[in-house]
Amino acid sequence: MPTEVDVMRELVRDYWAGRPIPCPKHAGVKMTGSFVQTTFADHVVLSCPRGESITIPQRPKQIEFQAQQVEGFVENMQRRDRNLCYRCQSPLVVEEKANPTSGIANYTFTCVRCFSFGRWMGHPETAKIGSSPTAGTAKKSKGG
């Protein structure tokens, strides 16, 4: 079951990618979106033809983190350091899926404020910035 942060990340990701935006409350209905730039609170407004409206803060604008940044998040977790978004210094939500048989973990990091995100998959203990090569790889998401 996706969390609210997961849903918002995917909605704003679809908006910036120019893809159709499915309404989370009405199956089969597509939302329209617009970017509103103000002095202090840029945001994306998504509207459903059935009356639903969602406002998503976008200062700074959502990006996908670079592979080295995401690997750094994994390395920080190994040291028990706190991970913050590189762009707005807000906390990151970490979703972890691990295969106990192989020891391979799949991490998704999402900022709670700008919804920037990154994914990494591999053996967490091998995450070392600057080492070559690592057993883990940052995954480039499809269409993003």
C-alpha atoms as a PDB file:
ATOM      1  CA  MET A   1       0.000   0.000   0.000  1.00  0.00           C
ATOM      2  CA  PRO A   2       1.634   3.274  -1.079  1.00  0.00           C
ATOM      3  CA  THR A   3       2.050   6.016   1.504  1.00  0.00           C
ATOM      4  CA  GLU A   4       0.850   9.588   0.963  1.00  0.00           C
ATOM      5  CA  VAL A   5       4.436  10.625   0.167  1.00  0.00           C
ATOM      6  CA  ASP A   6       4.662   7.871  -2.479  1.00  0.00           C
ATOM      7  CA  VAL A   7       1.398   9.003  -4.073  1.00  0.00           C
ATOM      8  CA  MET A   8       2.422  12.691  -4.126  1.00  0.00           C
ATOM      9  CA  ARG A   9       5.874  11.811  -5.533  1.00  0.00           C
ATOM     10  CA  GLU A  10       4.330   9.874  -8.416  1.00  0.00           C
ATOM     11  CA  LEU A  11       1.644  12.498  -9.147  1.00  0.00           C
ATOM     12  CA  VAL A  12       4.144  15.354  -9.391  1.00  0.00           C
ATOM     13  CA  ARG A  13       6.579  13.111 -11.296  1.00  0.00           C
ATOM     14  CA  ASP A  14       3.873  12.383 -13.888  1.00  0.00           C
ATOM     15  CA  TYR A  15       3.087  16.108 -14.097  1.00  0.00           C
ATOM     16  CA  TRP A  16       6.713  17.146 -14.777  1.00  0.00           C
ATOM     17  CA  ALA A  17       7.170  14.271 -17.262  1.00  0.00           C
ATOM     18  CA  GLY A  18       4.071  15.359 -19.210  1.00  0.00           C
ATOM     19  CA  ARG A  19       2.367  12.005 -18.675  1.00  0.00           C
ATOM     20  CA  PRO A  20      -1.354  11.504 -17.970  1.00  0.00           C
ATOM     21  CA  ILE A  21      -2.062  11.953 -14.249  1.00  0.00           C
ATOM     22  CA  PRO A  22      -4.458   9.362 -12.788  1.00  0.00           C
ATOM     23  CA  CYS A  23      -6.784  10.636 -10.064  1.00  0.00           C
ATOM     24  CA  PRO A  24      -5.992   8.744  -6.831  1.00  0.00           C
ATOM     25  CA  LYS A  25      -9.653   8.885  -5.743  1.00  0.00           C
ATOM     26  CA  HIS A  26     -11.480   8.144  -9.014  1.00  0.00           C
ATOM     27  CA  ALA A  27     -10.362   5.097 -11.013  1.00  0.00           C
ATOM     28  CA  GLY A  28      -9.912   5.754 -14.730  1.00  0.00           C
ATOM     29  CA  VAL A  29     -10.191   9.553 -14.415  1.00  0.00           C
ATOM     30  CA  LYS A  30      -7.265  11.748 -15.515  1.00  0.00           C
ATOM     31  CA  MET A  31      -6.342  14.964 -13.738  1.00  0.00           C
ATOM     32  CA  THR A  32      -5.152  18.199 -15.326  1.00  0.00           C
ATOM     33  CA  GLY A  33      -2.329  20.162 -13.797  1.00  0.00           C
ATOM     34  CA  SER A  34      -0.727  23.568 -13.748  1.00  0.00           C
ATOM     35  CA  PHE A  35       2.355  25.079 -12.159  1.00  0.00           C
ATOM     36  CA  VAL A  36       1.731  28.158 -10.020  1.00  0.00           C
ATOM     37  CA  GLN A  37       4.748  30.333  -9.308  1.00  0.00           C
ATOM     38  CA  THR A  38       4.465  32.797  -6.434  1.00  0.00           C
ATOM     39  CA  THR A  39       6.927  34.860  -4.431  1.00  0.00           C
ATOM     40  CA  PHE A  40       7.191  32.315  -1.640  1.00  0.00           C
ATOM     41  CA  ALA A  41       5.258  29.113  -2.400  1.00  0.00           C
ATOM     42  CA  ASP A  42       5.587  27.607  -5.885  1.00  0.00           C
ATOM     43  CA  HIS A  43       3.263  24.634  -6.302  1.00  0.00           C
ATOM     44  CA  VAL A  44       1.548  22.284  -8.732  1.00  0.00           C
ATOM     45  CA  VAL A  45      -2.246  22.231  -8.695  1.00  0.00           C
ATOM     46  CA  LEU A  46      -3.902  19.055  -9.983  1.00  0.00           C
ATOM     47  CA  SER A  47      -7.628  19.083 -10.724  1.00  0.00           C
ATOM     48  CA  CYS A  48      -9.968  16.165 -11.304  1.00  0.00           C
ATOM     49  CA  PRO A  49     -13.057  16.691 -13.488  1.00  0.00           C
ATOM     50  CA  ARG A  50     -15.088  15.199 -10.612  1.00  0.00           C
ATOM     51  CA  GLY A  51     -14.164  18.045  -8.259  1.00  0.00           C
ATOM     52  CA  GLU A  52     -11.022  16.709  -6.542  1.00  0.00           C
ATOM     53  CA  SER A  53      -8.120  19.170  -6.227  1.00  0.00           C
ATOM     54  CA  ILE A  54      -4.578  18.524  -4.959  1.00  0.00           C
ATOM     55  CA  THR A  55      -1.903  21.146  -4.263  1.00  0.00           C
ATOM     56  CA  ILE A  56       1.695  19.919  -4.147  1.00  0.00           C
ATOM     57  CA  PRO A  57       4.492  22.269  -2.967  1.00  0.00           C
ATOM     58  CA  GLN A  58       7.287  22.593  -5.508  1.00  0.00           C
ATOM     59  CA  ARG A  59       9.882  24.925  -4.120  1.00  0.00           C
ATOM     60  CA  PRO A  60      12.330  23.563  -5.031  1.00  0.00           C
ATOM     61  CA  LYS A  61      11.088  21.630  -8.060  1.00  0.00           C
ATOM     62  CA  GLN A  62      11.145  17.827  -7.887  1.00  0.00           C
ATOM     63  CA  ILE A  63      14.189  16.088  -9.390  1.00  0.00           C
ATOM     64  CA  GLU A  64      15.536  12.560  -9.432  1.00  0.00           C
ATOM     65  CA  PHE A  65      18.703  12.392  -7.331  1.00  0.00           C
ATOM     66  CA  GLN A  66      21.950  11.443  -9.069  1.00  0.00           C
ATOM     67  CA  ALA A  67      23.344   7.937  -8.575  1.00  0.00           C
ATOM     68  CA  GLN A  68      26.202   9.155  -6.343  1.00  0.00           C
ATOM     69  CA  GLN A  69      23.800  11.083  -4.098  1.00  0.00           C
ATOM     70  CA  VAL A  70      21.580   8.040  -3.612  1.00  0.00           C
ATOM     71  CA  GLU A  71      24.567   5.817  -2.895  1.00  0.00           C
ATOM     72  CA  GLY A  72      25.616   8.417  -0.314  1.00  0.00           C
ATOM     73  CA  PHE A  73      22.227   8.064   1.382  1.00  0.00           C
ATOM     74  CA  VAL A  74      22.773   4.295   1.650  1.00  0.00           C
ATOM     75  CA  GLU A  75      26.290   4.817   3.006  1.00  0.00           C
ATOM     76  CA  ASN A  76      24.913   7.319   5.553  1.00  0.00           C
ATOM     77  CA  MET A  77      22.385   4.713   6.696  1.00  0.00           C
ATOM     78  CA  GLN A  78      25.242   2.259   7.320  1.00  0.00           C
ATOM     79  CA  ARG A  79      26.865   4.862   9.597  1.00  0.00           C
ATOM     80  CA  ARG A  80      23.478   5.659  11.175  1.00  0.00           C
ATOM     81  CA  ASP A  81      23.717   9.274   9.948  1.00  0.00           C
ATOM     82  CA  ARG A  82      20.571  11.260   9.299  1.00  0.00           C
ATOM     83  CA  ASN A  83      19.673  11.721   5.630  1.00  0.00           C
ATOM     84  CA  LEU A  84      18.284  15.049   4.453  1.00  0.00           C
ATOM     85  CA  CYS A  85      17.301  16.207   0.979  1.00  0.00           C
ATOM     86  CA  TYR A  86      20.249  17.851  -0.800  1.00  0.00           C
ATOM     87  CA  ARG A  87      17.929  20.508  -2.218  1.00  0.00           C
ATOM     88  CA  CYS A  88      15.734  21.702   0.660  1.00  0.00           C
ATOM     89  CA  GLN A  89      17.250  20.018   3.760  1.00  0.00           C
ATOM     90  CA  SER A  90      13.966  18.257   4.606  1.00  0.00           C
ATOM     91  CA  PRO A  91      13.761  14.691   5.948  1.00  0.00           C
ATOM     92  CA  LEU A  92      13.675  11.758   3.548  1.00  0.00           C
ATOM     93  CA  VAL A  93      11.212   8.892   3.730  1.00  0.00           C
ATOM     94  CA  VAL A  94      13.044   5.612   3.102  1.00  0.00           C
ATOM     95  CA  GLU A  95      11.214   2.635   1.680  1.00  0.00           C
ATOM     96  CA  GLU A  96      13.220  -0.586   1.917  1.00  0.00           C
ATOM     97  CA  LYS A  97      12.540  -3.905   0.282  1.00  0.00           C
ATOM     98  CA  ALA A  98      15.098  -6.597   1.025  1.00  0.00           C
ATOM     99  CA  ASN A  99      15.545 -10.118  -0.251  1.00  0.00           C
ATOM    100  CA  PRO A 100      16.679 -12.135   2.794  1.00  0.00           C
ATOM    101  CA  THR A 101      18.007 -14.952   0.605  1.00  0.00           C
ATOM    102  CA  SER A 102      20.323 -12.859  -1.581  1.00  0.00           C
ATOM    103  CA  GLY A 103      20.928  -9.957   0.831  1.00  0.00           C
ATOM    104  CA  ILE A 104      20.073  -7.473  -1.904  1.00  0.00           C
ATOM    105  CA  ALA A 105      18.122  -4.427  -0.740  1.00  0.00           C
ATOM    106  CA  ASN A 106      16.060  -2.045  -2.842  1.00  0.00           C
ATOM    107  CA  TYR A 107      15.806   1.463  -1.355  1.00  0.00           C
ATOM    108  CA  THR A 108      13.620   4.386  -2.456  1.00  0.00           C
ATOM    109  CA  PHE A 109      14.401   7.776  -0.892  1.00  0.00           C
ATOM    110  CA  THR A 110      11.730  10.507  -1.154  1.00  0.00           C
ATOM    111  CA  CYS A 111      11.865  14.053   0.211  1.00  0.00           C
ATOM    112  CA  VAL A 112       8.780  14.934   2.257  1.00  0.00           C
ATOM    113  CA  ARG A 113       8.829  18.540   1.024  1.00  0.00           C
ATOM    114  CA  CYS A 114       9.848  18.733  -2.657  1.00  0.00           C
ATOM    115  CA  PHE A 115       9.183  15.044  -3.446  1.00  0.00           C
ATOM    116  CA  SER A 116      12.603  14.640  -5.083  1.00  0.00           C
ATOM    117  CA  PHE A 117      13.539  10.973  -5.091  1.00  0.00           C
ATOM    118  CA  GLY A 118      16.130   8.333  -5.892  1.00  0.00           C
ATOM    119  CA  ARG A 119      16.413   4.552  -5.952  1.00  0.00           C
ATOM    120  CA  TRP A 120      19.312   2.226  -5.143  1.00  0.00           C
ATOM    121  CA  MET A 121      19.577  -1.554  -5.299  1.00  0.00           C
ATOM    122  CA  GLY A 122      22.379  -3.812  -4.106  1.00  0.00           C
ATOM    123  CA  HIS A 123      24.158  -5.051  -0.996  1.00  0.00           C
ATOM    124  CA  PRO A 124      24.013  -2.073   1.430  1.00  0.00           C
ATOM    125  CA  GLU A 125      27.432  -2.761   2.960  1.00  0.00           C
ATOM    126  CA  THR A 126      29.033  -2.167  -0.465  1.00  0.00           C
ATOM    127  CA  ALA A 127      27.790   1.420  -0.793  1.00  0.00           C
ATOM    128  CA  LYS A 128      30.985   3.478  -0.858  1.00  0.00           C
ATOM    129  CA  ILE A 129      31.166   6.816  -2.599  1.00  0.00           C
ATOM    130  CA  GLY A 130      34.152   6.960  -4.903  1.00  0.00           C
ATOM    131  CA  SER A 131      34.911   3.244  -4.846  1.00  0.00           C
ATOM    132  CA  SER A 132      34.919   1.477  -8.156  1.00  0.00           C
ATOM    133  CA  PRO A 133      32.857  -0.523  -8.858  1.00  0.00           C
ATOM    134  CA  THR A 134      30.176  -0.995  -6.207  1.00  0.00           C
ATOM    135  CA  ALA A 135      27.898  -3.996  -5.980  1.00  0.00           C
ATOM    136  CA  GLY A 136      24.917  -1.670  -5.730  1.00  0.00           C
ATOM    137  CA  THR A 137      23.529   0.448  -8.490  1.00  0.00           C
ATOM    138  CA  ALA A 138      21.256   3.424  -8.544  1.00  0.00           C
ATOM    139  CA  LYS A 139      18.242   2.553 -10.623  1.00  0.00           C
ATOM    140  CA  LYS A 140      17.117   4.996 -13.247  1.00  0.00           C
ATOM    141  CA  SER A 141      13.340   4.930 -13.172  1.00  0.00           C
ATOM    142  CA  LYS A 142      11.346   4.462 -16.350  1.00  0.00           C
ATOM    143  CA  GLY A 143      10.043   7.608 -17.947  1.00  0.00           C
ATOM    144  CA  GLY A 144      11.372   9.964 -15.274  1.00  0.00           C
END
